[in-house]
Amino acid sequence: MQTLKIFSWNVNGIRAIERKGFIPELFSYDADIICIQETKAEREQLSEALTHPEGYTSWFHSTSQRKGHSGTAMYSRIEPTRVDNGFPDPWKHLDEQGRTMTMFFDDFEIPTAVINCYFPNGGSKSSPLDYKLDFYNAMLGYVNGLREEGYEVIICGDWNIAHTEIDIARAKENQKSIGFLLEERAWLDRFHEEGWVDIWRYANPETLDTYTWWDMKSGARDRNVGWRIDYFFVDEPLLERIADIQIINEQFGSDHCPVVMDLVIEE
């Protein structure tokens, strides 16, 4: 049995985690594909250790609007057919902030697309709520289109929404907070309705107190007052091929922690 291990982490600044000494951890999980969100850097600003890590090829997507903001990166030990930055038309204009990358593997037994995404926060001038909701609409259209083309699709990253009340430590206090608004959560309902499944919640339907993001200014991580906003979603038929899904909440270095998935790609 051959598996594909995919590691996803919002690092809140890839140069920042390097300064803090966390780069060894980034490459220590034996992942075949590493998906990084919120790099806050362009490729030419990065060290050799980040652009040419041993055993991996790297790709970067940075913002064309506001330097030092947003950004994504992908690393792979397996040569992909291609890596696309951003959305295709008609949604191309919605990703000028380096938020979306897709790695295609057309040589797999079933062609596979791995999408790495840093969804908009929805609470800032550069990513207001209406932009965030438009972005979700674009992502749903994009992945549905890939599915129609015959791809098995995996979507991972920082989705910037806690879906249900058990995905957030203080649901009642955050009913009107960005990231937990009803109109935002309704988009994740839409994904589920159209056959896309949150793998970790599917495998852990009743688990409480497991989060992927904490407000560092208030020391929330020490008290585990967090939000689960980092996900892997797959098309429903892929569920039988998920070998493992883990939230690595003991990994420090960022205000987020990594999520890791193992997918069976060949029996």
C-alpha atoms as a PDB file:
ATOM      1  CA  MET A   1       0.000   0.000   0.000  1.00  0.00           C
ATOM      2  CA  GLN A   2       1.357   3.423  -0.995  1.00  0.00           C
ATOM      3  CA  THR A   3       0.245   6.502   0.881  1.00  0.00           C
ATOM      4  CA  LEU A   4       0.578  10.218   0.299  1.00  0.00           C
ATOM      5  CA  LYS A   5       1.274  12.269   3.433  1.00  0.00           C
ATOM      6  CA  ILE A   6       0.232  15.927   3.238  1.00  0.00           C
ATOM      7  CA  PHE A   7       1.238  18.422   5.914  1.00  0.00           C
ATOM      8  CA  SER A   8      -0.523  21.800   6.223  1.00  0.00           C
ATOM      9  CA  TRP A   9       0.487  24.702   8.483  1.00  0.00           C
ATOM     10  CA  ASN A  10      -0.241  28.421   8.714  1.00  0.00           C
ATOM     11  CA  VAL A  11       3.164  29.599   9.930  1.00  0.00           C
ATOM     12  CA  ASN A  12       2.220  33.294  10.396  1.00  0.00           C
ATOM     13  CA  GLY A  13       5.442  34.356   8.665  1.00  0.00           C
ATOM     14  CA  ILE A  14       7.868  31.799   7.247  1.00  0.00           C
ATOM     15  CA  ARG A  15      10.892  33.982   8.027  1.00  0.00           C
ATOM     16  CA  ALA A  16       9.593  34.378  11.584  1.00  0.00           C
ATOM     17  CA  ILE A  17       9.521  30.635  12.219  1.00  0.00           C
ATOM     18  CA  GLU A  18      13.026  30.396  10.779  1.00  0.00           C
ATOM     19  CA  ARG A  19      14.264  33.056  13.225  1.00  0.00           C
ATOM     20  CA  LYS A  20      12.585  31.162  16.068  1.00  0.00           C
ATOM     21  CA  GLY A  21      14.388  27.954  15.055  1.00  0.00           C
ATOM     22  CA  PHE A  22      11.365  25.962  13.882  1.00  0.00           C
ATOM     23  CA  ILE A  23      12.476  25.092  10.340  1.00  0.00           C
ATOM     24  CA  PRO A  24      13.675  21.576  11.342  1.00  0.00           C
ATOM     25  CA  GLU A  25      10.142  20.812  12.541  1.00  0.00           C
ATOM     26  CA  LEU A  26       8.693  22.007   9.249  1.00  0.00           C
ATOM     27  CA  PHE A  27      10.472  19.191   7.411  1.00  0.00           C
ATOM     28  CA  SER A  28      10.436  16.589  10.195  1.00  0.00           C
ATOM     29  CA  TYR A  29       7.017  15.006   9.624  1.00  0.00           C
ATOM     30  CA  ASP A  30       8.111  12.826   6.684  1.00  0.00           C
ATOM     31  CA  ALA A  31       5.493  14.508   4.487  1.00  0.00           C
ATOM     32  CA  ASP A  32       5.403  14.003   0.752  1.00  0.00           C
ATOM     33  CA  ILE A  33       3.727  17.385   0.258  1.00  0.00           C
ATOM     34  CA  ILE A  34       4.027  20.398   2.567  1.00  0.00           C
ATOM     35  CA  CYS A  35       1.472  23.197   2.273  1.00  0.00           C
ATOM     36  CA  ILE A  36       2.296  26.492   3.980  1.00  0.00           C
ATOM     37  CA  GLN A  37      -0.015  29.451   4.463  1.00  0.00           C
ATOM     38  CA  GLU A  38       0.667  33.071   5.404  1.00  0.00           C
ATOM     39  CA  THR A  39       4.309  33.087   4.348  1.00  0.00           C
ATOM     40  CA  LYS A  40       4.439  36.914   4.378  1.00  0.00           C
ATOM     41  CA  ALA A  41       7.414  36.826   2.012  1.00  0.00           C
ATOM     42  CA  GLU A  42       8.558  36.532  -1.570  1.00  0.00           C
ATOM     43  CA  ARG A  43      10.890  33.802  -2.758  1.00  0.00           C
ATOM     44  CA  GLU A  44      13.904  36.116  -3.170  1.00  0.00           C
ATOM     45  CA  GLN A  45      13.630  37.112   0.515  1.00  0.00           C
ATOM     46  CA  LEU A  46      14.068  33.533   1.723  1.00  0.00           C
ATOM     47  CA  SER A  47      17.119  31.552   2.753  1.00  0.00           C
ATOM     48  CA  GLU A  48      18.539  28.563   0.907  1.00  0.00           C
ATOM     49  CA  ALA A  49      17.143  26.347   3.681  1.00  0.00           C
ATOM     50  CA  LEU A  50      13.634  27.465   2.721  1.00  0.00           C
ATOM     51  CA  THR A  51      13.939  27.584  -1.056  1.00  0.00           C
ATOM     52  CA  HIS A  52      16.002  24.404  -1.529  1.00  0.00           C
ATOM     53  CA  PRO A  53      15.413  22.055   1.418  1.00  0.00           C
ATOM     54  CA  GLU A  54      16.981  18.643   0.979  1.00  0.00           C
ATOM     55  CA  GLY A  55      14.698  16.196  -0.788  1.00  0.00           C
ATOM     56  CA  TYR A  56      12.040  18.746  -1.794  1.00  0.00           C
ATOM     57  CA  THR A  57      11.204  21.039  -4.684  1.00  0.00           C
ATOM     58  CA  SER A  58       9.552  24.317  -3.698  1.00  0.00           C
ATOM     59  CA  TRP A  59       6.963  26.686  -5.201  1.00  0.00           C
ATOM     60  CA  PHE A  60       5.828  30.072  -3.864  1.00  0.00           C
ATOM     61  CA  HIS A  61       2.879  32.373  -4.501  1.00  0.00           C
ATOM     62  CA  SER A  62       3.082  35.902  -3.087  1.00  0.00           C
ATOM     63  CA  THR A  63       0.772  38.889  -3.138  1.00  0.00           C
ATOM     64  CA  SER A  64       0.841  41.440  -5.921  1.00  0.00           C
ATOM     65  CA  GLN A  65      -0.935  43.984  -3.734  1.00  0.00           C
ATOM     66  CA  ARG A  66       0.599  44.325  -0.287  1.00  0.00           C
ATOM     67  CA  LYS A  67       4.149  43.102   0.312  1.00  0.00           C
ATOM     68  CA  GLY A  68       4.755  41.120   3.478  1.00  0.00           C
ATOM     69  CA  HIS A  69       1.119  40.025   3.625  1.00  0.00           C
ATOM     70  CA  SER A  70      -0.593  36.707   2.965  1.00  0.00           C
ATOM     71  CA  GLY A  71       1.289  34.305   0.635  1.00  0.00           C
ATOM     72  CA  THR A  72       1.461  30.530   0.250  1.00  0.00           C
ATOM     73  CA  ALA A  73       4.133  27.922  -0.462  1.00  0.00           C
ATOM     74  CA  MET A  74       4.244  24.250  -1.399  1.00  0.00           C
ATOM     75  CA  TYR A  75       7.011  21.669  -1.171  1.00  0.00           C
ATOM     76  CA  SER A  76       6.933  18.206  -2.718  1.00  0.00           C
ATOM     77  CA  ARG A  77       9.110  15.110  -2.790  1.00  0.00           C
ATOM     78  CA  ILE A  78       7.058  13.864  -5.763  1.00  0.00           C
ATOM     79  CA  GLU A  79       7.315  15.691  -9.069  1.00  0.00           C
ATOM     80  CA  PRO A  80       3.896  17.132  -9.937  1.00  0.00           C
ATOM     81  CA  THR A  81       2.567  17.520 -13.457  1.00  0.00           C
ATOM     82  CA  ARG A  82       2.242  21.240 -12.782  1.00  0.00           C
ATOM     83  CA  VAL A  83       1.611  23.807 -10.040  1.00  0.00           C
ATOM     84  CA  ASP A  84      -0.896  26.591 -10.676  1.00  0.00           C
ATOM     85  CA  ASN A  85      -1.054  29.824  -8.689  1.00  0.00           C
ATOM     86  CA  GLY A  86      -4.406  31.439  -8.014  1.00  0.00           C
ATOM     87  CA  PHE A  87      -7.818  30.710  -9.492  1.00  0.00           C
ATOM     88  CA  PRO A  88      -8.584  30.229 -13.184  1.00  0.00           C
ATOM     89  CA  ASP A  89     -11.136  32.443 -14.917  1.00  0.00           C
ATOM     90  CA  PRO A  90     -13.770  33.618 -14.088  1.00  0.00           C
ATOM     91  CA  TRP A  91     -12.405  33.940 -10.532  1.00  0.00           C
ATOM     92  CA  LYS A  92      -8.813  34.945 -11.346  1.00  0.00           C
ATOM     93  CA  HIS A  93      -9.273  38.485  -9.986  1.00  0.00           C
ATOM     94  CA  LEU A  94     -10.120  37.133  -6.528  1.00  0.00           C
ATOM     95  CA  ASP A  95      -6.606  35.873  -5.814  1.00  0.00           C
ATOM     96  CA  GLU A  96      -4.163  38.723  -6.168  1.00  0.00           C
ATOM     97  CA  GLN A  97      -2.947  38.169  -2.590  1.00  0.00           C
ATOM     98  CA  GLY A  98      -1.065  34.889  -3.086  1.00  0.00           C
ATOM     99  CA  ARG A  99      -3.700  32.820  -1.335  1.00  0.00           C
ATOM    100  CA  THR A 100      -4.203  29.747  -3.511  1.00  0.00           C
ATOM    101  CA  MET A 101      -1.922  27.134  -5.089  1.00  0.00           C
ATOM    102  CA  THR A 102      -2.847  23.845  -6.753  1.00  0.00           C
ATOM    103  CA  MET A 103      -0.472  20.931  -7.311  1.00  0.00           C
ATOM    104  CA  PHE A 104      -1.586  18.475 -10.006  1.00  0.00           C
ATOM    105  CA  PHE A 105      -0.568  14.818 -10.242  1.00  0.00           C
ATOM    106  CA  ASP A 106      -1.893  13.505 -13.550  1.00  0.00           C
ATOM    107  CA  ASP A 107       0.233  10.335 -13.377  1.00  0.00           C
ATOM    108  CA  PHE A 108      -1.456   8.938 -10.261  1.00  0.00           C
ATOM    109  CA  GLU A 109      -3.819   6.001 -10.749  1.00  0.00           C
ATOM    110  CA  ILE A 110      -6.592   8.588 -10.432  1.00  0.00           C
ATOM    111  CA  PRO A 111      -5.487  12.145 -11.339  1.00  0.00           C
ATOM    112  CA  THR A 112      -5.208  14.166  -8.123  1.00  0.00           C
ATOM    113  CA  ALA A 113      -5.221  17.887  -7.324  1.00  0.00           C
ATOM    114  CA  VAL A 114      -3.943  19.180  -3.974  1.00  0.00           C
ATOM    115  CA  ILE A 115      -5.098  22.720  -3.195  1.00  0.00           C
ATOM    116  CA  ASN A 116      -3.275  24.811  -0.603  1.00  0.00           C
ATOM    117  CA  CYS A 117      -5.283  27.843   0.492  1.00  0.00           C
ATOM    118  CA  TYR A 118      -5.106  30.737   2.915  1.00  0.00           C
ATOM    119  CA  PHE A 119      -8.710  31.949   2.945  1.00  0.00           C
ATOM    120  CA  PRO A 120      -9.340  35.646   3.663  1.00  0.00           C
ATOM    121  CA  ASN A 121      -9.922  36.632   7.272  1.00  0.00           C
ATOM    122  CA  GLY A 122     -12.880  38.868   6.472  1.00  0.00           C
ATOM    123  CA  GLY A 123     -12.168  41.442   9.129  1.00  0.00           C
ATOM    124  CA  SER A 124      -9.589  43.764   7.562  1.00  0.00           C
ATOM    125  CA  LYS A 125      -9.423  46.421   4.856  1.00  0.00           C
ATOM    126  CA  SER A 126      -7.421  44.125   2.563  1.00  0.00           C
ATOM    127  CA  SER A 127      -9.787  41.182   3.076  1.00  0.00           C
ATOM    128  CA  PRO A 128     -13.269  42.437   4.062  1.00  0.00           C
ATOM    129  CA  LEU A 129     -16.221  40.120   4.655  1.00  0.00           C
ATOM    130  CA  ASP A 130     -17.752  40.494   1.191  1.00  0.00           C
ATOM    131  CA  TYR A 131     -14.407  39.551  -0.393  1.00  0.00           C
ATOM    132  CA  LYS A 132     -14.183  36.531   1.908  1.00  0.00           C
ATOM    133  CA  LEU A 133     -17.645  35.299   0.906  1.00  0.00           C
ATOM    134  CA  ASP A 134     -16.863  35.843  -2.792  1.00  0.00           C
ATOM    135  CA  PHE A 135     -13.659  33.876  -2.292  1.00  0.00           C
ATOM    136  CA  TYR A 136     -15.605  30.925  -0.821  1.00  0.00           C
ATOM    137  CA  ASN A 137     -17.951  31.018  -3.785  1.00  0.00           C
ATOM    138  CA  ALA A 138     -14.951  30.932  -6.134  1.00  0.00           C
ATOM    139  CA  MET A 139     -13.339  28.025  -4.286  1.00  0.00           C
ATOM    140  CA  LEU A 140     -16.525  25.979  -4.405  1.00  0.00           C
ATOM    141  CA  GLY A 141     -16.885  26.612  -8.127  1.00  0.00           C
ATOM    142  CA  TYR A 142     -13.222  25.769  -8.694  1.00  0.00           C
ATOM    143  CA  VAL A 143     -13.226  22.449  -6.824  1.00  0.00           C
ATOM    144  CA  ASN A 144     -16.534  21.381  -8.322  1.00  0.00           C
ATOM    145  CA  GLY A 145     -15.041  22.049 -11.755  1.00  0.00           C
ATOM    146  CA  LEU A 146     -11.955  19.977 -10.991  1.00  0.00           C
ATOM    147  CA  ARG A 147     -14.162  17.139  -9.805  1.00  0.00           C
ATOM    148  CA  GLU A 148     -16.095  17.281 -13.071  1.00  0.00           C
ATOM    149  CA  GLU A 149     -12.775  17.068 -14.948  1.00  0.00           C
ATOM    150  CA  GLY A 150     -12.066  13.749 -13.191  1.00  0.00           C
ATOM    151  CA  TYR A 151      -9.656  14.895 -10.477  1.00  0.00           C
ATOM    152  CA  GLU A 152      -9.640  13.638  -6.932  1.00  0.00           C
ATOM    153  CA  VAL A 153      -9.394  16.898  -5.015  1.00  0.00           C
ATOM    154  CA  ILE A 154      -7.874  17.628  -1.599  1.00  0.00           C
ATOM    155  CA  ILE A 155      -8.301  21.139  -0.182  1.00  0.00           C
ATOM    156  CA  CYS A 156      -6.202  22.083   2.832  1.00  0.00           C
ATOM    157  CA  GLY A 157      -5.164  25.202   4.670  1.00  0.00           C
ATOM    158  CA  ASP A 158      -6.383  27.964   6.929  1.00  0.00           C
ATOM    159  CA  TRP A 159     -10.104  28.331   6.181  1.00  0.00           C
ATOM    160  CA  ASN A 160     -10.550  31.153   8.732  1.00  0.00           C
ATOM    161  CA  ILE A 161     -13.934  29.827   9.909  1.00  0.00           C
ATOM    162  CA  ALA A 162     -14.883  27.755  12.944  1.00  0.00           C
ATOM    163  CA  HIS A 163     -17.717  25.703  11.501  1.00  0.00           C
ATOM    164  CA  THR A 164     -19.782  24.614  14.487  1.00  0.00           C
ATOM    165  CA  GLU A 165     -20.037  25.367  18.182  1.00  0.00           C
ATOM    166  CA  ILE A 166     -17.793  22.435  19.072  1.00  0.00           C
ATOM    167  CA  ASP A 167     -15.056  23.926  16.861  1.00  0.00           C
ATOM    168  CA  ILE A 168     -14.604  26.970  19.097  1.00  0.00           C
ATOM    169  CA  ALA A 169     -13.926  27.241  22.819  1.00  0.00           C
ATOM    170  CA  ARG A 170     -16.322  30.112  23.503  1.00  0.00           C
ATOM    171  CA  ALA A 171     -19.125  29.833  20.997  1.00  0.00           C
ATOM    172  CA  LYS A 172     -21.665  31.989  22.833  1.00  0.00           C
ATOM    173  CA  GLU A 173     -19.259  34.897  23.268  1.00  0.00           C
ATOM    174  CA  ASN A 174     -18.236  34.798  19.589  1.00  0.00           C
ATOM    175  CA  GLN A 175     -21.621  34.705  17.835  1.00  0.00           C
ATOM    176  CA  LYS A 176     -20.905  38.106  16.259  1.00  0.00           C
ATOM    177  CA  SER A 177     -17.179  37.602  15.705  1.00  0.00           C
ATOM    178  CA  ILE A 178     -15.566  37.377  12.263  1.00  0.00           C
ATOM    179  CA  GLY A 179     -14.756  33.739  11.668  1.00  0.00           C
ATOM    180  CA  PHE A 180     -17.908  32.515  13.412  1.00  0.00           C
ATOM    181  CA  LEU A 181     -20.660  34.517  11.737  1.00  0.00           C
ATOM    182  CA  LEU A 182     -23.675  32.589  10.508  1.00  0.00           C
ATOM    183  CA  GLU A 183     -23.149  33.740   6.913  1.00  0.00           C
ATOM    184  CA  GLU A 184     -19.559  32.463   7.006  1.00  0.00           C
ATOM    185  CA  ARG A 185     -20.456  29.140   8.581  1.00  0.00           C
ATOM    186  CA  ALA A 186     -23.188  28.711   5.974  1.00  0.00           C
ATOM    187  CA  TRP A 187     -20.462  28.442   3.334  1.00  0.00           C
ATOM    188  CA  LEU A 188     -18.986  25.388   5.025  1.00  0.00           C
ATOM    189  CA  ASP A 189     -22.511  23.982   5.122  1.00  0.00           C
ATOM    190  CA  ARG A 190     -22.599  24.533   1.340  1.00  0.00           C
ATOM    191  CA  PHE A 191     -19.347  22.611   0.889  1.00  0.00           C
ATOM    192  CA  HIS A 192     -20.800  19.700   2.861  1.00  0.00           C
ATOM    193  CA  GLU A 193     -24.076  19.815   0.918  1.00  0.00           C
ATOM    194  CA  GLU A 194     -22.144  19.536  -2.346  1.00  0.00           C
ATOM    195  CA  GLY A 195     -20.206  16.478  -1.195  1.00  0.00           C
ATOM    196  CA  TRP A 196     -17.037  17.944   0.335  1.00  0.00           C
ATOM    197  CA  VAL A 197     -16.156  16.549   3.755  1.00  0.00           C
ATOM    198  CA  ASP A 198     -14.145  17.960   6.678  1.00  0.00           C
ATOM    199  CA  ILE A 199     -12.001  14.864   7.277  1.00  0.00           C
ATOM    200  CA  TRP A 200     -10.961  15.540  10.865  1.00  0.00           C
ATOM    201  CA  ARG A 201     -14.523  16.156  12.061  1.00  0.00           C
ATOM    202  CA  TYR A 202     -15.749  13.150  10.084  1.00  0.00           C
ATOM    203  CA  ALA A 203     -13.221  10.974  11.940  1.00  0.00           C
ATOM    204  CA  ASN A 204     -13.824  12.689  15.303  1.00  0.00           C
ATOM    205  CA  PRO A 205     -17.535  13.630  15.322  1.00  0.00           C
ATOM    206  CA  GLU A 206     -17.879  14.219  19.067  1.00  0.00           C
ATOM    207  CA  THR A 207     -14.371  15.349  20.034  1.00  0.00           C
ATOM    208  CA  LEU A 208     -14.232  18.586  22.016  1.00  0.00           C
ATOM    209  CA  ASP A 209     -11.438  20.985  22.959  1.00  0.00           C
ATOM    210  CA  THR A 210      -9.264  20.324  19.895  1.00  0.00           C
ATOM    211  CA  TYR A 211      -8.252  23.512  18.102  1.00  0.00           C
ATOM    212  CA  THR A 212      -5.756  24.760  15.527  1.00  0.00           C
ATOM    213  CA  TRP A 213      -5.559  28.515  16.293  1.00  0.00           C
ATOM    214  CA  TRP A 214      -5.180  30.520  19.501  1.00  0.00           C
ATOM    215  CA  ASP A 215      -4.960  34.257  20.188  1.00  0.00           C
ATOM    216  CA  MET A 216      -1.342  34.634  21.277  1.00  0.00           C
ATOM    217  CA  LYS A 217      -1.779  38.128  22.741  1.00  0.00           C
ATOM    218  CA  SER A 218      -4.105  36.816  25.449  1.00  0.00           C
ATOM    219  CA  GLY A 219      -2.133  33.649  26.187  1.00  0.00           C
ATOM    220  CA  ALA A 220      -5.086  31.593  24.966  1.00  0.00           C
ATOM    221  CA  ARG A 221      -2.975  28.609  23.953  1.00  0.00           C
ATOM    222  CA  ASP A 222      -1.872  27.983  27.536  1.00  0.00           C
ATOM    223  CA  ARG A 223      -5.561  27.778  28.491  1.00  0.00           C
ATOM    224  CA  ASN A 224      -6.581  26.017  25.256  1.00  0.00           C
ATOM    225  CA  VAL A 225      -9.120  28.718  24.421  1.00  0.00           C
ATOM    226  CA  GLY A 226      -8.950  28.204  20.696  1.00  0.00           C
ATOM    227  CA  TRP A 227     -10.665  27.846  17.350  1.00  0.00           C
ATOM    228  CA  ARG A 228     -10.487  24.959  14.863  1.00  0.00           C
ATOM    229  CA  ILE A 229     -10.128  26.814  11.566  1.00  0.00           C
ATOM    230  CA  ASP A 230      -7.514  24.737   9.699  1.00  0.00           C
ATOM    231  CA  TYR A 231      -8.997  21.886   7.688  1.00  0.00           C
ATOM    232  CA  PHE A 232      -8.608  19.185   5.093  1.00  0.00           C
ATOM    233  CA  PHE A 233     -11.674  18.740   2.884  1.00  0.00           C
ATOM    234  CA  VAL A 234     -12.038  15.937   0.327  1.00  0.00           C
ATOM    235  CA  ASP A 235     -14.721  14.690  -2.009  1.00  0.00           C
ATOM    236  CA  GLU A 236     -16.901  12.126  -0.242  1.00  0.00           C
ATOM    237  CA  PRO A 237     -15.711   9.083  -2.292  1.00  0.00           C
ATOM    238  CA  LEU A 238     -12.143   9.674  -1.027  1.00  0.00           C
ATOM    239  CA  LEU A 239     -13.122   9.035   2.593  1.00  0.00           C
ATOM    240  CA  GLU A 240     -12.521   5.291   2.303  1.00  0.00           C
ATOM    241  CA  ARG A 241      -8.913   6.030   1.293  1.00  0.00           C
ATOM    242  CA  ILE A 242      -8.043   8.302   4.224  1.00  0.00           C
ATOM    243  CA  ALA A 243      -5.480   6.375   6.286  1.00  0.00           C
ATOM    244  CA  ASP A 244      -4.997   9.003   9.008  1.00  0.00           C
ATOM    245  CA  ILE A 245      -5.769  12.616   9.949  1.00  0.00           C
ATOM    246  CA  GLN A 246      -4.119  14.413  12.871  1.00  0.00           C
ATOM    247  CA  ILE A 247      -4.069  17.844  14.441  1.00  0.00           C
ATOM    248  CA  ILE A 248      -0.531  18.344  15.763  1.00  0.00           C
ATOM    249  CA  ASN A 249      -1.383  20.732  18.594  1.00  0.00           C
ATOM    250  CA  GLU A 250       1.903  20.136  20.407  1.00  0.00           C
ATOM    251  CA  GLN A 251       3.777  21.873  17.543  1.00  0.00           C
ATOM    252  CA  PHE A 252       4.707  25.445  18.438  1.00  0.00           C
ATOM    253  CA  GLY A 253       6.194  28.250  16.353  1.00  0.00           C
ATOM    254  CA  SER A 254       2.996  29.923  15.135  1.00  0.00           C
ATOM    255  CA  ASP A 255      -0.430  30.908  16.444  1.00  0.00           C
ATOM    256  CA  HIS A 256      -1.692  27.955  14.367  1.00  0.00           C
ATOM    257  CA  CYS A 257      -0.681  24.304  14.611  1.00  0.00           C
ATOM    258  CA  PRO A 258      -0.272  21.857  11.717  1.00  0.00           C
ATOM    259  CA  VAL A 259      -2.781  19.336  10.382  1.00  0.00           C
ATOM    260  CA  VAL A 260      -1.496  16.176   8.674  1.00  0.00           C
ATOM    261  CA  MET A 261      -3.341  13.716   6.435  1.00  0.00           C
ATOM    262  CA  ASP A 262      -2.394  10.339   4.940  1.00  0.00           C
ATOM    263  CA  LEU A 263      -4.156   9.257   1.746  1.00  0.00           C
ATOM    264  CA  VAL A 264      -3.894   5.806   0.163  1.00  0.00           C
ATOM    265  CA  ILE A 265      -2.952   6.387  -3.495  1.00  0.00           C
ATOM    266  CA  GLU A 266      -2.200   2.789  -4.501  1.00  0.00           C
ATOM    267  CA  GLU A 267      -3.257  -0.520  -2.918  1.00  0.00           C
END
